[in-house]
Amino acid sequence: MFDAIVLAGGAGRRLEGAVKPELVLGGRALVDHALDAVSRARRCVLVAPPALTRPGVPTTLEDPPLGGPVAGLAAGLALLVAPPADLAGVPGPAGAARAAEVVVVLACDVPRAGSVVPALVAAASAPGTDGARLVDAEGAPQHLVAAYRTDALRTALASLAEVRGASVRRLVAGLHLRDVPDPGGAGEDVDTWADARRVGAALSGAGAPGREAAPGPSAPTADAVRDTIGPERPRQPGSKS
């Protein structure tokens, strides 16, 4: 049993103004791929602007917005562990009396992550660990494709003087995390239009499963991207960390 936090509140600066969570790849918006990936969660919280709210999914956002992934995590965890009496008016099912022991943390731009969620949860549930993170073929850890012991994550967040703008690496520096290998590239993220075309092709070839949910009519698709792509900044190892 696990809970989940899906992070979809970022700016998507390298996609030329497109709203990244609404980008359609393999017939579904990225945010919906992420929610599908954690569909077996006992309870899921979406950290996103109100425009991205999905039926039945409690949604919150750091205040002020665009505070970075750690601020988003803090907001998501606060809603996840909130007692039912505090959730009046919040979309989605009532809160549980106690959070699950493990919480999956997933950035919304990793649409193939569903295949590794069971392994992450299993690794994070092992005795003597604070969680588990996906590690790509080059050894780069993906701290936002991960599963954490809920109490360990809450303690790590509480130890920070300020969550806004904080580094995820700093947040997890004191945690004992197990590495889950990703030889198949399930943790590949979508940061650029080139990424979108490549990951979209992989999704289309795999016939991505999931709930039916139509994104907004203006949602951009990888097929609609112009053929000429401008210069892109080099990708840094562990960009999701």
C-alpha atoms as a PDB file:
ATOM      1  CA  MET A   1       0.000   0.000   0.000  1.00  0.00           C
ATOM      2  CA  PHE A   2       1.306   3.432  -0.887  1.00  0.00           C
ATOM      3  CA  ASP A   3       0.241   7.032  -1.366  1.00  0.00           C
ATOM      4  CA  ALA A   4       1.458   9.300  -4.164  1.00  0.00           C
ATOM      5  CA  ILE A   5       2.323  12.911  -4.921  1.00  0.00           C
ATOM      6  CA  VAL A   6       2.416  14.015  -8.571  1.00  0.00           C
ATOM      7  CA  LEU A   7       4.295  17.260  -9.199  1.00  0.00           C
ATOM      8  CA  ALA A   8       2.909  19.321 -12.087  1.00  0.00           C
ATOM      9  CA  GLY A   9       3.470  22.905 -11.008  1.00  0.00           C
ATOM     10  CA  GLY A  10       6.668  23.762 -12.885  1.00  0.00           C
ATOM     11  CA  ALA A  11       7.144  26.369 -15.576  1.00  0.00           C
ATOM     12  CA  GLY A  12       8.436  24.236 -18.483  1.00  0.00           C
ATOM     13  CA  ARG A  13      10.810  26.998 -19.561  1.00  0.00           C
ATOM     14  CA  ARG A  14      12.529  24.919 -22.233  1.00  0.00           C
ATOM     15  CA  LEU A  15       9.278  24.205 -24.079  1.00  0.00           C
ATOM     16  CA  GLU A  16       8.889  27.764 -25.344  1.00  0.00           C
ATOM     17  CA  GLY A  17       5.909  28.701 -23.215  1.00  0.00           C
ATOM     18  CA  ALA A  18       3.941  25.465 -23.588  1.00  0.00           C
ATOM     19  CA  VAL A  19       2.198  24.185 -20.462  1.00  0.00           C
ATOM     20  CA  LYS A  20       4.254  21.029 -19.979  1.00  0.00           C
ATOM     21  CA  PRO A  21       1.700  18.966 -18.007  1.00  0.00           C
ATOM     22  CA  GLU A  22      -0.801  19.440 -20.867  1.00  0.00           C
ATOM     23  CA  LEU A  23       1.617  18.289 -23.570  1.00  0.00           C
ATOM     24  CA  VAL A  24       0.011  15.322 -25.338  1.00  0.00           C
ATOM     25  CA  LEU A  25       2.238  12.318 -26.020  1.00  0.00           C
ATOM     26  CA  GLY A  26       0.948   8.899 -26.971  1.00  0.00           C
ATOM     27  CA  GLY A  27      -2.601  10.254 -27.005  1.00  0.00           C
ATOM     28  CA  ARG A  28      -2.603  11.535 -23.403  1.00  0.00           C
ATOM     29  CA  ALA A  29      -1.470  14.607 -21.532  1.00  0.00           C
ATOM     30  CA  LEU A  30       1.698  14.215 -19.470  1.00  0.00           C
ATOM     31  CA  VAL A  31      -0.203  14.884 -16.252  1.00  0.00           C
ATOM     32  CA  ASP A  32      -2.578  12.027 -17.062  1.00  0.00           C
ATOM     33  CA  HIS A  33       0.307   9.662 -17.799  1.00  0.00           C
ATOM     34  CA  ALA A  34       1.683  10.520 -14.346  1.00  0.00           C
ATOM     35  CA  LEU A  35      -1.652   9.915 -12.637  1.00  0.00           C
ATOM     36  CA  ASP A  36      -1.990   6.617 -14.495  1.00  0.00           C
ATOM     37  CA  ALA A  37       1.452   5.591 -13.234  1.00  0.00           C
ATOM     38  CA  VAL A  38       0.260   5.827  -9.622  1.00  0.00           C
ATOM     39  CA  SER A  39      -3.304   4.644 -10.211  1.00  0.00           C
ATOM     40  CA  ARG A  40      -2.845   1.869  -7.626  1.00  0.00           C
ATOM     41  CA  ALA A  41      -2.048   4.383  -4.878  1.00  0.00           C
ATOM     42  CA  ARG A  42      -4.368   4.358  -1.897  1.00  0.00           C
ATOM     43  CA  ARG A  43      -4.540   8.132  -2.217  1.00  0.00           C
ATOM     44  CA  CYS A  44      -2.922  10.527  -4.688  1.00  0.00           C
ATOM     45  CA  VAL A  45      -2.384  14.275  -4.417  1.00  0.00           C
ATOM     46  CA  LEU A  46      -1.729  16.419  -7.484  1.00  0.00           C
ATOM     47  CA  VAL A  47       0.440  19.509  -7.022  1.00  0.00           C
ATOM     48  CA  ALA A  48      -0.640  21.741  -9.891  1.00  0.00           C
ATOM     49  CA  PRO A  49      -2.449  24.964 -10.816  1.00  0.00           C
ATOM     50  CA  PRO A  50      -6.269  24.858 -10.614  1.00  0.00           C
ATOM     51  CA  ALA A  51      -6.534  24.562 -14.407  1.00  0.00           C
ATOM     52  CA  LEU A  52      -4.988  21.079 -14.215  1.00  0.00           C
ATOM     53  CA  THR A  53      -7.401  19.707 -11.610  1.00  0.00           C
ATOM     54  CA  ARG A  54      -8.638  16.218 -12.465  1.00  0.00           C
ATOM     55  CA  PRO A  55     -11.911  14.695 -11.212  1.00  0.00           C
ATOM     56  CA  GLY A  56     -11.480  12.843  -7.948  1.00  0.00           C
ATOM     57  CA  VAL A  57      -7.868  13.930  -7.395  1.00  0.00           C
ATOM     58  CA  PRO A  58      -7.146  16.267  -4.451  1.00  0.00           C
ATOM     59  CA  THR A  59      -5.122  19.182  -5.802  1.00  0.00           C
ATOM     60  CA  THR A  60      -2.939  21.782  -4.154  1.00  0.00           C
ATOM     61  CA  LEU A  61      -0.110  24.168  -5.058  1.00  0.00           C
ATOM     62  CA  GLU A  62       2.692  25.817  -3.168  1.00  0.00           C
ATOM     63  CA  ASP A  63       2.031  29.435  -2.206  1.00  0.00           C
ATOM     64  CA  PRO A  64       3.351  31.462  -3.924  1.00  0.00           C
ATOM     65  CA  PRO A  65       3.464  29.301  -7.054  1.00  0.00           C
ATOM     66  CA  LEU A  66       6.634  28.302  -8.911  1.00  0.00           C
ATOM     67  CA  GLY A  67       8.484  27.677  -5.669  1.00  0.00           C
ATOM     68  CA  GLY A  68      10.327  24.653  -7.015  1.00  0.00           C
ATOM     69  CA  PRO A  69       9.877  20.918  -6.497  1.00  0.00           C
ATOM     70  CA  VAL A  70      10.704  20.924  -2.777  1.00  0.00           C
ATOM     71  CA  ALA A  71       8.052  23.559  -2.090  1.00  0.00           C
ATOM     72  CA  GLY A  72       5.645  21.522  -4.193  1.00  0.00           C
ATOM     73  CA  LEU A  73       6.499  18.396  -2.233  1.00  0.00           C
ATOM     74  CA  ALA A  74       5.873  20.200   1.042  1.00  0.00           C
ATOM     75  CA  ALA A  75       2.456  21.368  -0.169  1.00  0.00           C
ATOM     76  CA  GLY A  76       1.560  17.934  -1.496  1.00  0.00           C
ATOM     77  CA  LEU A  77       2.600  16.107   1.654  1.00  0.00           C
ATOM     78  CA  ALA A  78       0.724  18.582   3.846  1.00  0.00           C
ATOM     79  CA  LEU A  79      -2.492  17.802   1.944  1.00  0.00           C
ATOM     80  CA  LEU A  80      -1.779  14.096   1.865  1.00  0.00           C
ATOM     81  CA  VAL A  81      -1.475  13.818   5.647  1.00  0.00           C
ATOM     82  CA  ALA A  82      -4.209  16.346   6.464  1.00  0.00           C
ATOM     83  CA  PRO A  83      -7.011  14.939   8.644  1.00  0.00           C
ATOM     84  CA  PRO A  84     -10.389  14.566   6.883  1.00  0.00           C
ATOM     85  CA  ALA A  85     -11.858  17.487   8.857  1.00  0.00           C
ATOM     86  CA  ASP A  86      -9.355  19.837   7.201  1.00  0.00           C
ATOM     87  CA  LEU A  87     -10.289  18.802   3.660  1.00  0.00           C
ATOM     88  CA  ALA A  88     -13.701  20.429   3.357  1.00  0.00           C
ATOM     89  CA  GLY A  89     -13.992  21.897  -0.124  1.00  0.00           C
ATOM     90  CA  VAL A  90     -10.880  20.145  -1.451  1.00  0.00           C
ATOM     91  CA  PRO A  91     -11.618  18.164  -4.648  1.00  0.00           C
ATOM     92  CA  GLY A  92     -11.229  14.419  -4.303  1.00  0.00           C
ATOM     93  CA  PRO A  93     -11.912  11.753  -1.691  1.00  0.00           C
ATOM     94  CA  ALA A  94     -11.647  12.427   2.007  1.00  0.00           C
ATOM     95  CA  GLY A  95      -8.265  12.033   3.652  1.00  0.00           C
ATOM     96  CA  ALA A  96      -7.230   8.855   5.389  1.00  0.00           C
ATOM     97  CA  ALA A  97      -6.813   8.675   9.135  1.00  0.00           C
ATOM     98  CA  ARG A  98      -3.093   8.093   8.607  1.00  0.00           C
ATOM     99  CA  ALA A  99      -0.843   8.366   5.576  1.00  0.00           C
ATOM    100  CA  ALA A 100       0.554   5.190   4.062  1.00  0.00           C
ATOM    101  CA  GLU A 101       4.071   4.234   5.141  1.00  0.00           C
ATOM    102  CA  VAL A 102       5.404   4.841   1.622  1.00  0.00           C
ATOM    103  CA  VAL A 103       4.709   7.762  -0.696  1.00  0.00           C
ATOM    104  CA  VAL A 104       5.641   7.717  -4.380  1.00  0.00           C
ATOM    105  CA  VAL A 105       6.906  11.066  -5.662  1.00  0.00           C
ATOM    106  CA  LEU A 106       6.602  11.528  -9.397  1.00  0.00           C
ATOM    107  CA  ALA A 107       7.350  14.470 -11.659  1.00  0.00           C
ATOM    108  CA  CYS A 108       4.656  14.807 -14.307  1.00  0.00           C
ATOM    109  CA  ASP A 109       7.095  14.804 -17.236  1.00  0.00           C
ATOM    110  CA  VAL A 110       8.143  11.144 -16.956  1.00  0.00           C
ATOM    111  CA  PRO A 111       5.305   9.454 -18.862  1.00  0.00           C
ATOM    112  CA  ARG A 112       6.731   5.918 -18.843  1.00  0.00           C
ATOM    113  CA  ALA A 113       7.375   5.756 -15.099  1.00  0.00           C
ATOM    114  CA  GLY A 114       4.428   3.480 -14.379  1.00  0.00           C
ATOM    115  CA  SER A 115       6.498   0.394 -15.164  1.00  0.00           C
ATOM    116  CA  VAL A 116       8.985   1.131 -12.356  1.00  0.00           C
ATOM    117  CA  VAL A 117       6.578   2.228  -9.604  1.00  0.00           C
ATOM    118  CA  PRO A 118       6.127  -1.311  -8.177  1.00  0.00           C
ATOM    119  CA  ALA A 119       9.905  -1.786  -7.909  1.00  0.00           C
ATOM    120  CA  LEU A 120      10.312   1.600  -6.219  1.00  0.00           C
ATOM    121  CA  VAL A 121       7.587   0.844  -3.683  1.00  0.00           C
ATOM    122  CA  ALA A 122       9.051  -2.589  -2.944  1.00  0.00           C
ATOM    123  CA  ALA A 123      12.551  -1.179  -2.457  1.00  0.00           C
ATOM    124  CA  ALA A 124      11.305   1.668  -0.258  1.00  0.00           C
ATOM    125  CA  SER A 125       9.396  -0.805   1.897  1.00  0.00           C
ATOM    126  CA  ALA A 126      12.516  -2.795   2.774  1.00  0.00           C
ATOM    127  CA  PRO A 127      13.707  -2.602   6.395  1.00  0.00           C
ATOM    128  CA  GLY A 128      16.369  -0.043   7.236  1.00  0.00           C
ATOM    129  CA  THR A 129      15.758   2.317   4.318  1.00  0.00           C
ATOM    130  CA  ASP A 130      14.238   5.766   3.971  1.00  0.00           C
ATOM    131  CA  GLY A 131      13.203   5.254   0.372  1.00  0.00           C
ATOM    132  CA  ALA A 132      14.240   4.317  -3.139  1.00  0.00           C
ATOM    133  CA  ARG A 133      15.080   6.303  -6.247  1.00  0.00           C
ATOM    134  CA  LEU A 134      15.348   5.425  -9.909  1.00  0.00           C
ATOM    135  CA  VAL A 135      18.893   5.501 -11.309  1.00  0.00           C
ATOM    136  CA  ASP A 136      19.437   5.716 -15.055  1.00  0.00           C
ATOM    137  CA  ALA A 137      21.909   3.739 -17.138  1.00  0.00           C
ATOM    138  CA  GLU A 138      24.571   6.413 -16.600  1.00  0.00           C
ATOM    139  CA  GLY A 139      24.190   6.307 -12.832  1.00  0.00           C
ATOM    140  CA  ALA A 140      22.258   9.563 -12.456  1.00  0.00           C
ATOM    141  CA  PRO A 141      19.676   9.424  -9.633  1.00  0.00           C
ATOM    142  CA  GLN A 142      16.119  10.586 -10.260  1.00  0.00           C
ATOM    143  CA  HIS A 143      14.867  11.876  -6.916  1.00  0.00           C
ATOM    144  CA  LEU A 144      11.512  12.839  -8.403  1.00  0.00           C
ATOM    145  CA  VAL A 145      10.938   9.344  -9.735  1.00  0.00           C
ATOM    146  CA  ALA A 146      11.139   7.802  -6.313  1.00  0.00           C
ATOM    147  CA  ALA A 147       9.359   6.344  -3.314  1.00  0.00           C
ATOM    148  CA  TYR A 148      10.014   7.557   0.226  1.00  0.00           C
ATOM    149  CA  ARG A 149       9.046   6.492   3.700  1.00  0.00           C
ATOM    150  CA  THR A 150       6.437   9.103   4.522  1.00  0.00           C
ATOM    151  CA  ASP A 151       7.815   9.861   7.980  1.00  0.00           C
ATOM    152  CA  ALA A 152      11.371  10.198   6.630  1.00  0.00           C
ATOM    153  CA  LEU A 153      10.230  12.617   3.926  1.00  0.00           C
ATOM    154  CA  ARG A 154       8.234  14.658   6.423  1.00  0.00           C
ATOM    155  CA  THR A 155      11.256  14.870   8.760  1.00  0.00           C
ATOM    156  CA  ALA A 156      13.551  15.889   5.892  1.00  0.00           C
ATOM    157  CA  LEU A 157      11.169  18.665   4.842  1.00  0.00           C
ATOM    158  CA  ALA A 158      10.862  19.905   8.428  1.00  0.00           C
ATOM    159  CA  SER A 159      14.659  20.119   8.694  1.00  0.00           C
ATOM    160  CA  LEU A 160      14.870  22.766   5.969  1.00  0.00           C
ATOM    161  CA  ALA A 161      14.793  26.402   7.011  1.00  0.00           C
ATOM    162  CA  GLU A 162      13.084  27.299   3.717  1.00  0.00           C
ATOM    163  CA  VAL A 163      11.463  24.989   1.168  1.00  0.00           C
ATOM    164  CA  ARG A 164      10.970  27.574  -1.573  1.00  0.00           C
ATOM    165  CA  GLY A 165      13.811  27.275  -4.048  1.00  0.00           C
ATOM    166  CA  ALA A 166      15.465  24.491  -2.042  1.00  0.00           C
ATOM    167  CA  SER A 167      17.447  21.778  -3.789  1.00  0.00           C
ATOM    168  CA  VAL A 168      16.005  18.278  -3.930  1.00  0.00           C
ATOM    169  CA  ARG A 169      19.533  16.932  -3.462  1.00  0.00           C
ATOM    170  CA  ARG A 170      19.800  18.869  -0.226  1.00  0.00           C
ATOM    171  CA  LEU A 171      16.399  17.606   0.891  1.00  0.00           C
ATOM    172  CA  VAL A 172      17.364  13.953   0.514  1.00  0.00           C
ATOM    173  CA  ALA A 173      21.045  14.261   1.459  1.00  0.00           C
ATOM    174  CA  GLY A 174      20.519  12.714   4.881  1.00  0.00           C
ATOM    175  CA  LEU A 175      18.248   9.886   3.735  1.00  0.00           C
ATOM    176  CA  HIS A 176      19.293   6.285   3.222  1.00  0.00           C
ATOM    177  CA  LEU A 177      17.997   5.567  -0.270  1.00  0.00           C
ATOM    178  CA  ARG A 178      18.146   2.370  -2.279  1.00  0.00           C
ATOM    179  CA  ASP A 179      18.930   2.610  -5.989  1.00  0.00           C
ATOM    180  CA  VAL A 180      16.535   1.007  -8.469  1.00  0.00           C
ATOM    181  CA  PRO A 181      18.180   0.548 -11.898  1.00  0.00           C
ATOM    182  CA  ASP A 182      16.426   1.747 -15.031  1.00  0.00           C
ATOM    183  CA  PRO A 183      18.012  -0.101 -17.970  1.00  0.00           C
ATOM    184  CA  GLY A 184      14.937   0.422 -20.134  1.00  0.00           C
ATOM    185  CA  GLY A 185      14.826   4.213 -19.822  1.00  0.00           C
ATOM    186  CA  ALA A 186      11.411   4.369 -18.145  1.00  0.00           C
ATOM    187  CA  GLY A 187      12.598   7.430 -16.228  1.00  0.00           C
ATOM    188  CA  GLU A 188      13.391   9.476 -19.330  1.00  0.00           C
ATOM    189  CA  ASP A 189      11.843  12.900 -18.888  1.00  0.00           C
ATOM    190  CA  VAL A 190      10.499  15.499 -21.292  1.00  0.00           C
ATOM    191  CA  ASP A 191      12.410  18.761 -20.983  1.00  0.00           C
ATOM    192  CA  THR A 192      12.701  19.792 -24.641  1.00  0.00           C
ATOM    193  CA  TRP A 193      10.789  19.364 -27.872  1.00  0.00           C
ATOM    194  CA  ALA A 194      13.392  16.837 -29.003  1.00  0.00           C
ATOM    195  CA  ASP A 195      12.658  14.840 -25.842  1.00  0.00           C
ATOM    196  CA  ALA A 196       8.947  15.114 -26.576  1.00  0.00           C
ATOM    197  CA  ARG A 197       9.315  13.656 -30.062  1.00  0.00           C
ATOM    198  CA  ARG A 198      11.532  10.811 -28.866  1.00  0.00           C
ATOM    199  CA  VAL A 199       9.428   9.859 -25.835  1.00  0.00           C
ATOM    200  CA  GLY A 200       6.206  10.349 -27.795  1.00  0.00           C
ATOM    201  CA  ALA A 201       7.416   7.898 -30.426  1.00  0.00           C
ATOM    202  CA  ALA A 202       8.252   5.364 -27.715  1.00  0.00           C
ATOM    203  CA  LEU A 203       4.823   5.772 -26.135  1.00  0.00           C
ATOM    204  CA  SER A 204       3.005   5.427 -29.436  1.00  0.00           C
ATOM    205  CA  GLY A 205       4.939   2.277 -30.223  1.00  0.00           C
ATOM    206  CA  ALA A 206       4.147   0.806 -26.823  1.00  0.00           C
ATOM    207  CA  GLY A 207       0.457   1.661 -26.964  1.00  0.00           C
ATOM    208  CA  ALA A 208       0.372   3.436 -23.621  1.00  0.00           C
ATOM    209  CA  PRO A 209      -2.470   2.125 -21.442  1.00  0.00           C
ATOM    210  CA  GLY A 210      -4.521   4.183 -19.030  1.00  0.00           C
ATOM    211  CA  ARG A 211      -7.773   5.904 -18.264  1.00  0.00           C
ATOM    212  CA  GLU A 212      -9.490   7.888 -20.979  1.00  0.00           C
ATOM    213  CA  ALA A 213      -9.120  11.592 -20.292  1.00  0.00           C
ATOM    214  CA  ALA A 214      -9.134  14.280 -22.918  1.00  0.00           C
ATOM    215  CA  PRO A 215      -6.810  17.261 -22.402  1.00  0.00           C
ATOM    216  CA  GLY A 216      -7.941  20.751 -23.248  1.00  0.00           C
ATOM    217  CA  PRO A 217      -8.413  21.573 -26.934  1.00  0.00           C
ATOM    218  CA  SER A 218      -5.394  23.872 -26.952  1.00  0.00           C
ATOM    219  CA  ALA A 219      -3.019  21.300 -25.480  1.00  0.00           C
ATOM    220  CA  PRO A 220       0.166  21.139 -27.615  1.00  0.00           C
ATOM    221  CA  THR A 221       1.299  17.892 -29.182  1.00  0.00           C
ATOM    222  CA  ALA A 222       4.761  16.771 -30.195  1.00  0.00           C
ATOM    223  CA  ASP A 223       3.536  16.437 -33.794  1.00  0.00           C
ATOM    224  CA  ALA A 224       2.687  20.129 -33.840  1.00  0.00           C
ATOM    225  CA  VAL A 225       6.238  21.220 -33.054  1.00  0.00           C
ATOM    226  CA  ARG A 226       8.085  23.048 -35.783  1.00  0.00           C
ATOM    227  CA  ASP A 227      10.754  21.099 -37.658  1.00  0.00           C
ATOM    228  CA  THR A 228      13.586  23.470 -36.802  1.00  0.00           C
ATOM    229  CA  ILE A 229      14.531  23.470 -33.138  1.00  0.00           C
ATOM    230  CA  GLY A 230      16.664  26.269 -31.747  1.00  0.00           C
ATOM    231  CA  PRO A 231      19.777  25.738 -29.624  1.00  0.00           C
ATOM    232  CA  GLU A 232      19.120  23.809 -26.442  1.00  0.00           C
ATOM    233  CA  ARG A 233      21.086  23.911 -23.241  1.00  0.00           C
ATOM    234  CA  PRO A 234      23.030  20.710 -22.550  1.00  0.00           C
ATOM    235  CA  ARG A 235      21.131  18.391 -20.279  1.00  0.00           C
ATOM    236  CA  GLN A 236      22.714  17.900 -16.879  1.00  0.00           C
ATOM    237  CA  PRO A 237      23.069  14.436 -15.384  1.00  0.00           C
ATOM    238  CA  GLY A 238      20.344  13.789 -12.841  1.00  0.00           C
ATOM    239  CA  SER A 239      18.184  16.670 -14.068  1.00  0.00           C
ATOM    240  CA  LYS A 240      15.264  15.349 -12.015  1.00  0.00           C
ATOM    241  CA  SER A 241      17.288  15.506  -8.840  1.00  0.00           C
END
